[in-house]
Amino acid sequence: MVLNPTLYAKTIRSSVSATDSKDRVLQAYRQWLRAAPEIQTMYSLNMPVARLRTKMRQEFERHRYVAQLPTVDVLLSKSDMEFQETMNYWKQVNHVLKYFAAEENPNTKLPHNFIGGFLEGRN
């Protein structure tokens, strides 16, 4: 498979309005969802495509209520960069699996209060 580094490259631009940014976010979201089967085969991930898509949705949902256009533009440019790096196979498997680390390791959860964390010996 021949990789073309500029195939997924996008120029950074500012959103004109809220509807423009919404359209760009939906376009990026669909782009990620469509690429899920290819990401699974490229990185030989031992998980179903549905789990990948669920994680992608969670990552987009984390920033659902961001309303400032400059912040949305930065998040979109980061998403485009991540997509380019992922699809050009510039990442290793552990870079892709870092998004699933919190789900699989229960020890990564932070304590609910200061005293509980202090007694556990965590910062």
N, C-alpha and C. Protein backbone atom coordinates (compact mmCIF):
# COMPACT_ATOMS: atom_id res chain seq x y z
N MET A 1 0.85 -1.17 0.00
CA MET A 1 0.00 0.00 0.00
C MET A 1 0.90 1.24 0.00
N VAL A 2 0.70 2.11 -0.95
CA VAL A 2 1.48 3.34 -1.06
C VAL A 2 0.75 4.43 -0.30
N LEU A 3 1.50 5.08 0.60
CA LEU A 3 0.91 6.15 1.40
C LEU A 3 1.24 7.49 0.77
N ASN A 4 0.24 8.32 0.70
CA ASN A 4 0.40 9.67 0.19
C ASN A 4 0.22 10.62 1.37
N PRO A 5 1.30 11.18 1.91
CA PRO A 5 1.19 12.00 3.12
C PRO A 5 0.27 13.21 2.97
N THR A 6 0.11 13.71 1.78
CA THR A 6 -0.72 14.90 1.61
C THR A 6 -2.18 14.56 1.28
N LEU A 7 -2.51 13.28 1.24
CA LEU A 7 -3.87 12.89 0.89
C LEU A 7 -4.88 13.40 1.91
N TYR A 8 -4.54 13.31 3.18
CA TYR A 8 -5.48 13.72 4.23
C TYR A 8 -5.16 15.09 4.80
N ALA A 9 -4.23 15.79 4.21
CA ALA A 9 -3.85 17.11 4.72
C ALA A 9 -4.95 18.12 4.42
N LYS A 10 -5.20 18.99 5.40
CA LYS A 10 -6.19 20.05 5.24
C LYS A 10 -5.55 21.36 5.70
N THR A 11 -5.93 22.42 5.05
CA THR A 11 -5.45 23.72 5.50
C THR A 11 -6.29 24.17 6.69
N ILE A 12 -5.65 24.84 7.60
CA ILE A 12 -6.36 25.33 8.78
C ILE A 12 -7.10 26.59 8.40
N ARG A 13 -8.37 26.62 8.74
CA ARG A 13 -9.17 27.80 8.43
C ARG A 13 -10.10 28.09 9.60
N SER A 14 -10.59 29.30 9.63
CA SER A 14 -11.51 29.71 10.68
C SER A 14 -12.94 29.55 10.21
N SER A 15 -13.80 29.22 11.14
CA SER A 15 -15.22 29.10 10.82
C SER A 15 -15.83 30.49 10.67
N VAL A 16 -16.70 30.63 9.70
CA VAL A 16 -17.35 31.91 9.45
C VAL A 16 -18.49 32.15 10.43
N SER A 17 -19.23 31.08 10.71
CA SER A 17 -20.38 31.21 11.60
C SER A 17 -20.56 29.90 12.37
N ALA A 18 -21.55 29.90 13.24
CA ALA A 18 -21.83 28.70 14.03
C ALA A 18 -22.31 27.56 13.13
N THR A 19 -23.09 27.88 12.13
CA THR A 19 -23.56 26.81 11.22
C THR A 19 -22.41 26.24 10.40
N ASP A 20 -21.47 27.09 10.04
CA ASP A 20 -20.29 26.61 9.31
C ASP A 20 -19.47 25.66 10.19
N SER A 21 -19.28 26.04 11.45
CA SER A 21 -18.51 25.17 12.34
C SER A 21 -19.25 23.87 12.60
N LYS A 22 -20.57 23.93 12.71
CA LYS A 22 -21.35 22.71 12.92
C LYS A 22 -21.21 21.77 11.72
N ASP A 23 -21.25 22.33 10.52
CA ASP A 23 -21.07 21.51 9.32
C ASP A 23 -19.68 20.88 9.28
N ARG A 24 -18.69 21.64 9.67
CA ARG A 24 -17.32 21.12 9.67
C ARG A 24 -17.14 20.02 10.71
N VAL A 25 -17.77 20.17 11.87
CA VAL A 25 -17.69 19.14 12.90
C VAL A 25 -18.38 17.87 12.43
N LEU A 26 -19.54 17.99 11.84
CA LEU A 26 -20.24 16.81 11.33
C LEU A 26 -19.45 16.13 10.23
N GLN A 27 -18.81 16.90 9.39
CA GLN A 27 -17.98 16.33 8.33
C GLN A 27 -16.80 15.56 8.92
N ALA A 28 -16.16 16.12 9.93
CA ALA A 28 -15.04 15.43 10.58
C ALA A 28 -15.51 14.16 11.29
N TYR A 29 -16.67 14.25 11.95
CA TYR A 29 -17.23 13.08 12.65
C TYR A 29 -17.53 11.95 11.67
N ARG A 30 -18.15 12.29 10.57
CA ARG A 30 -18.46 11.26 9.55
C ARG A 30 -17.19 10.68 8.96
N GLN A 31 -16.18 11.52 8.78
CA GLN A 31 -14.91 11.06 8.23
C GLN A 31 -14.28 10.02 9.17
N TRP A 32 -14.30 10.29 10.47
CA TRP A 32 -13.76 9.35 11.43
C TRP A 32 -14.56 8.04 11.43
N LEU A 33 -15.89 8.15 11.42
CA LEU A 33 -16.72 6.94 11.46
C LEU A 33 -16.52 6.08 10.22
N ARG A 34 -16.40 6.70 9.07
CA ARG A 34 -16.20 5.93 7.84
C ARG A 34 -14.84 5.23 7.81
N ALA A 35 -13.87 5.82 8.50
CA ALA A 35 -12.52 5.25 8.49
C ALA A 35 -12.32 4.17 9.54
N ALA A 36 -13.30 3.93 10.39
CA ALA A 36 -13.14 2.96 11.48
C ALA A 36 -12.76 1.56 11.00
N PRO A 37 -13.41 1.00 9.98
CA PRO A 37 -13.00 -0.33 9.54
C PRO A 37 -11.57 -0.37 9.01
N GLU A 38 -11.17 0.67 8.32
CA GLU A 38 -9.81 0.73 7.80
C GLU A 38 -8.79 0.87 8.94
N ILE A 39 -9.13 1.63 9.97
CA ILE A 39 -8.24 1.78 11.12
C ILE A 39 -8.09 0.44 11.83
N GLN A 40 -9.18 -0.30 11.95
CA GLN A 40 -9.13 -1.60 12.60
C GLN A 40 -8.21 -2.56 11.86
N THR A 41 -8.28 -2.58 10.54
CA THR A 41 -7.43 -3.50 9.78
C THR A 41 -5.99 -3.01 9.71
N MET A 42 -5.79 -1.70 9.59
CA MET A 42 -4.42 -1.17 9.50
C MET A 42 -3.63 -1.46 10.76
N TYR A 43 -4.23 -1.24 11.91
CA TYR A 43 -3.54 -1.39 13.17
C TYR A 43 -3.75 -2.77 13.79
N SER A 44 -4.46 -3.66 13.12
CA SER A 44 -4.73 -5.02 13.60
C SER A 44 -5.28 -5.01 15.02
N LEU A 45 -6.32 -4.24 15.23
CA LEU A 45 -6.92 -4.11 16.56
C LEU A 45 -7.85 -5.28 16.83
N ASN A 46 -7.77 -5.82 18.05
CA ASN A 46 -8.62 -6.95 18.45
C ASN A 46 -9.90 -6.46 19.11
N MET A 47 -10.61 -5.62 18.43
CA MET A 47 -11.88 -5.12 18.93
C MET A 47 -12.79 -4.86 17.75
N PRO A 48 -14.09 -4.96 17.96
CA PRO A 48 -15.01 -4.73 16.84
C PRO A 48 -15.03 -3.27 16.41
N VAL A 49 -15.46 -3.06 15.19
CA VAL A 49 -15.54 -1.71 14.63
C VAL A 49 -16.53 -0.87 15.44
N ALA A 50 -17.57 -1.51 15.96
CA ALA A 50 -18.57 -0.77 16.74
C ALA A 50 -17.93 -0.14 17.99
N ARG A 51 -16.97 -0.82 18.59
CA ARG A 51 -16.31 -0.25 19.77
C ARG A 51 -15.45 0.95 19.38
N LEU A 52 -14.79 0.86 18.24
CA LEU A 52 -14.03 2.01 17.75
C LEU A 52 -14.94 3.20 17.51
N ARG A 53 -16.06 2.94 16.86
CA ARG A 53 -16.99 4.03 16.56
C ARG A 53 -17.58 4.62 17.83
N THR A 54 -17.83 3.78 18.83
CA THR A 54 -18.34 4.29 20.10
C THR A 54 -17.33 5.21 20.76
N LYS A 55 -16.06 4.83 20.73
CA LYS A 55 -15.01 5.67 21.32
C LYS A 55 -14.87 6.98 20.55
N MET A 56 -14.99 6.91 19.22
CA MET A 56 -14.93 8.13 18.42
C MET A 56 -16.07 9.06 18.79
N ARG A 57 -17.26 8.50 18.97
CA ARG A 57 -18.40 9.31 19.35
C ARG A 57 -18.19 9.94 20.73
N GLN A 58 -17.63 9.18 21.66
CA GLN A 58 -17.37 9.71 22.99
C GLN A 58 -16.39 10.87 22.94
N GLU A 59 -15.39 10.76 22.08
CA GLU A 59 -14.41 11.85 21.97
C GLU A 59 -15.06 13.12 21.41
N PHE A 60 -15.97 12.95 20.46
CA PHE A 60 -16.67 14.13 19.92
C PHE A 60 -17.68 14.66 20.94
N GLU A 61 -18.32 13.77 21.69
CA GLU A 61 -19.31 14.19 22.69
C GLU A 61 -18.66 14.95 23.84
N ARG A 62 -17.40 14.68 24.12
CA ARG A 62 -16.70 15.40 25.19
C ARG A 62 -16.71 16.89 24.96
N HIS A 63 -16.69 17.29 23.70
CA HIS A 63 -16.62 18.72 23.36
C HIS A 63 -17.92 19.21 22.72
N ARG A 64 -19.00 18.55 23.02
CA ARG A 64 -20.27 18.87 22.38
C ARG A 64 -20.74 20.30 22.65
N TYR A 65 -20.55 20.78 23.85
CA TYR A 65 -21.12 22.08 24.23
C TYR A 65 -20.12 23.22 24.15
N VAL A 66 -19.06 23.05 23.40
CA VAL A 66 -18.13 24.15 23.16
C VAL A 66 -18.80 25.11 22.19
N ALA A 67 -18.90 26.37 22.57
CA ALA A 67 -19.65 27.33 21.76
C ALA A 67 -18.77 28.39 21.10
N GLN A 68 -17.58 28.63 21.63
CA GLN A 68 -16.73 29.67 21.05
C GLN A 68 -16.12 29.17 19.74
N LEU A 69 -16.28 29.96 18.70
CA LEU A 69 -15.79 29.56 17.38
C LEU A 69 -14.28 29.33 17.33
N PRO A 70 -13.46 30.17 17.95
CA PRO A 70 -12.02 29.88 17.92
C PRO A 70 -11.65 28.55 18.58
N THR A 71 -12.35 28.20 19.65
CA THR A 71 -12.08 26.93 20.32
C THR A 71 -12.50 25.77 19.45
N VAL A 72 -13.64 25.89 18.78
CA VAL A 72 -14.09 24.85 17.87
C VAL A 72 -13.10 24.68 16.73
N ASP A 73 -12.57 25.79 16.23
CA ASP A 73 -11.58 25.72 15.14
C ASP A 73 -10.32 24.98 15.57
N VAL A 74 -9.86 25.23 16.80
CA VAL A 74 -8.67 24.54 17.31
C VAL A 74 -8.95 23.04 17.45
N LEU A 75 -10.12 22.70 17.99
CA LEU A 75 -10.47 21.29 18.14
C LEU A 75 -10.59 20.60 16.78
N LEU A 76 -11.13 21.30 15.80
CA LEU A 76 -11.23 20.72 14.46
C LEU A 76 -9.86 20.52 13.83
N SER A 77 -8.97 21.47 14.01
CA SER A 77 -7.63 21.30 13.45
C SER A 77 -6.90 20.15 14.13
N LYS A 78 -7.09 19.97 15.44
CA LYS A 78 -6.49 18.84 16.14
C LYS A 78 -7.08 17.53 15.64
N SER A 79 -8.38 17.52 15.39
CA SER A 79 -9.02 16.32 14.86
C SER A 79 -8.47 15.98 13.48
N ASP A 80 -8.30 16.98 12.65
CA ASP A 80 -7.75 16.75 11.30
C ASP A 80 -6.33 16.22 11.37
N MET A 81 -5.53 16.75 12.29
CA MET A 81 -4.16 16.28 12.44
C MET A 81 -4.12 14.83 12.93
N GLU A 82 -4.97 14.52 13.91
CA GLU A 82 -5.04 13.14 14.41
C GLU A 82 -5.48 12.19 13.31
N PHE A 83 -6.45 12.61 12.52
CA PHE A 83 -6.94 11.76 11.44
C PHE A 83 -5.83 11.51 10.41
N GLN A 84 -5.11 12.55 10.05
CA GLN A 84 -4.03 12.40 9.08
C GLN A 84 -2.95 11.46 9.62
N GLU A 85 -2.57 11.64 10.88
CA GLU A 85 -1.55 10.78 11.46
C GLU A 85 -2.01 9.34 11.55
N THR A 86 -3.28 9.15 11.87
CA THR A 86 -3.81 7.79 11.99
C THR A 86 -3.90 7.11 10.63
N MET A 87 -4.42 7.80 9.65
CA MET A 87 -4.64 7.18 8.35
C MET A 87 -3.34 7.00 7.56
N ASN A 88 -2.34 7.81 7.83
CA ASN A 88 -1.05 7.65 7.15
C ASN A 88 -0.14 6.67 7.87
N TYR A 89 -0.65 6.05 8.92
CA TYR A 89 0.08 5.04 9.69
C TYR A 89 1.34 5.65 10.30
N TRP A 90 1.22 6.87 10.78
CA TRP A 90 2.32 7.54 11.47
C TRP A 90 2.28 7.25 12.96
N LYS A 91 1.28 6.52 13.40
CA LYS A 91 1.15 6.17 14.80
C LYS A 91 1.48 4.69 14.98
N GLN A 92 1.78 4.34 16.21
CA GLN A 92 1.94 2.94 16.54
C GLN A 92 0.65 2.46 17.21
N VAL A 93 0.55 1.17 17.40
CA VAL A 93 -0.67 0.60 17.96
C VAL A 93 -0.94 1.16 19.35
N ASN A 94 0.11 1.34 20.15
CA ASN A 94 -0.13 1.86 21.50
C ASN A 94 -0.64 3.29 21.49
N HIS A 95 -0.35 4.07 20.45
CA HIS A 95 -0.90 5.42 20.34
C HIS A 95 -2.40 5.38 20.10
N VAL A 96 -2.85 4.39 19.35
CA VAL A 96 -4.28 4.25 19.09
C VAL A 96 -4.99 3.69 20.33
N LEU A 97 -4.33 2.75 21.00
CA LEU A 97 -4.95 2.11 22.16
C LEU A 97 -4.98 2.99 23.40
N LYS A 98 -4.27 4.12 23.39
CA LYS A 98 -4.28 4.99 24.57
C LYS A 98 -5.68 5.55 24.84
N TYR A 99 -6.51 5.62 23.83
CA TYR A 99 -7.88 6.11 24.02
C TYR A 99 -8.73 5.11 24.80
N PHE A 100 -8.32 3.84 24.80
CA PHE A 100 -9.08 2.80 25.49
C PHE A 100 -8.47 2.43 26.83
N ALA A 101 -7.40 3.06 27.24
CA ALA A 101 -6.70 2.70 28.46
C ALA A 101 -7.55 2.93 29.71
N ALA A 102 -8.27 4.02 29.77
CA ALA A 102 -9.06 4.34 30.96
C ALA A 102 -10.19 3.34 31.17
N GLU A 103 -10.73 2.78 30.10
CA GLU A 103 -11.82 1.82 30.22
C GLU A 103 -11.32 0.48 30.74
N GLU A 104 -10.12 0.10 30.37
CA GLU A 104 -9.64 -1.23 30.69
C GLU A 104 -8.91 -1.29 32.03
N ASN A 105 -8.36 -0.20 32.50
CA ASN A 105 -7.61 -0.20 33.74
C ASN A 105 -8.39 0.53 34.83
N PRO A 106 -8.98 -0.19 35.75
CA PRO A 106 -9.76 0.49 36.80
C PRO A 106 -8.90 1.29 37.76
N ASN A 107 -7.59 1.04 37.79
CA ASN A 107 -6.71 1.77 38.71
C ASN A 107 -6.46 3.20 38.26
N THR A 108 -6.83 3.54 37.03
CA THR A 108 -6.58 4.90 36.55
C THR A 108 -7.64 5.89 37.02
N LYS A 109 -8.70 5.39 37.66
CA LYS A 109 -9.74 6.29 38.14
C LYS A 109 -9.21 7.09 39.32
N LEU A 110 -9.52 8.36 39.32
CA LEU A 110 -9.11 9.23 40.41
C LEU A 110 -10.04 9.05 41.60
N PRO A 111 -9.53 9.24 42.80
CA PRO A 111 -10.40 9.14 43.99
C PRO A 111 -11.44 10.24 43.98
N HIS A 112 -12.55 9.96 44.67
CA HIS A 112 -13.67 10.91 44.68
C HIS A 112 -13.41 12.12 45.58
N ASN A 113 -12.59 11.94 46.61
CA ASN A 113 -12.32 13.07 47.50
C ASN A 113 -10.85 13.05 47.90
N PHE A 114 -10.43 14.10 48.56
CA PHE A 114 -9.03 14.25 48.94
C PHE A 114 -8.60 13.19 49.96
N ILE A 115 -9.42 12.95 50.96
CA ILE A 115 -9.05 12.02 52.02
C ILE A 115 -8.92 10.60 51.46
N GLY A 116 -9.83 10.22 50.59
CA GLY A 116 -9.74 8.90 49.98
C GLY A 116 -8.46 8.72 49.18
N GLY A 117 -8.08 9.75 48.43
CA GLY A 117 -6.84 9.69 47.68
C GLY A 117 -5.62 9.69 48.57
N PHE A 118 -5.69 10.45 49.68
CA PHE A 118 -4.59 10.51 50.62
C PHE A 118 -4.37 9.17 51.28
N LEU A 119 -5.47 8.53 51.67
CA LEU A 119 -5.35 7.23 52.33
C LEU A 119 -4.89 6.14 51.36
N GLU A 120 -5.20 6.29 50.09
CA GLU A 120 -4.73 5.33 49.10
C GLU A 120 -3.28 5.58 48.71
N GLY A 121 -2.76 6.74 49.05
CA GLY A 121 -1.39 7.07 48.69
C GLY A 121 -1.25 7.67 47.31
N ARG A 122 -2.34 8.25 46.82
CA ARG A 122 -2.32 8.85 45.49
C ARG A 122 -2.30 10.36 45.61
N ASN A 123 -1.78 10.99 44.60
CA ASN A 123 -1.75 12.46 44.59
C ASN A 123 -3.08 13.00 44.14
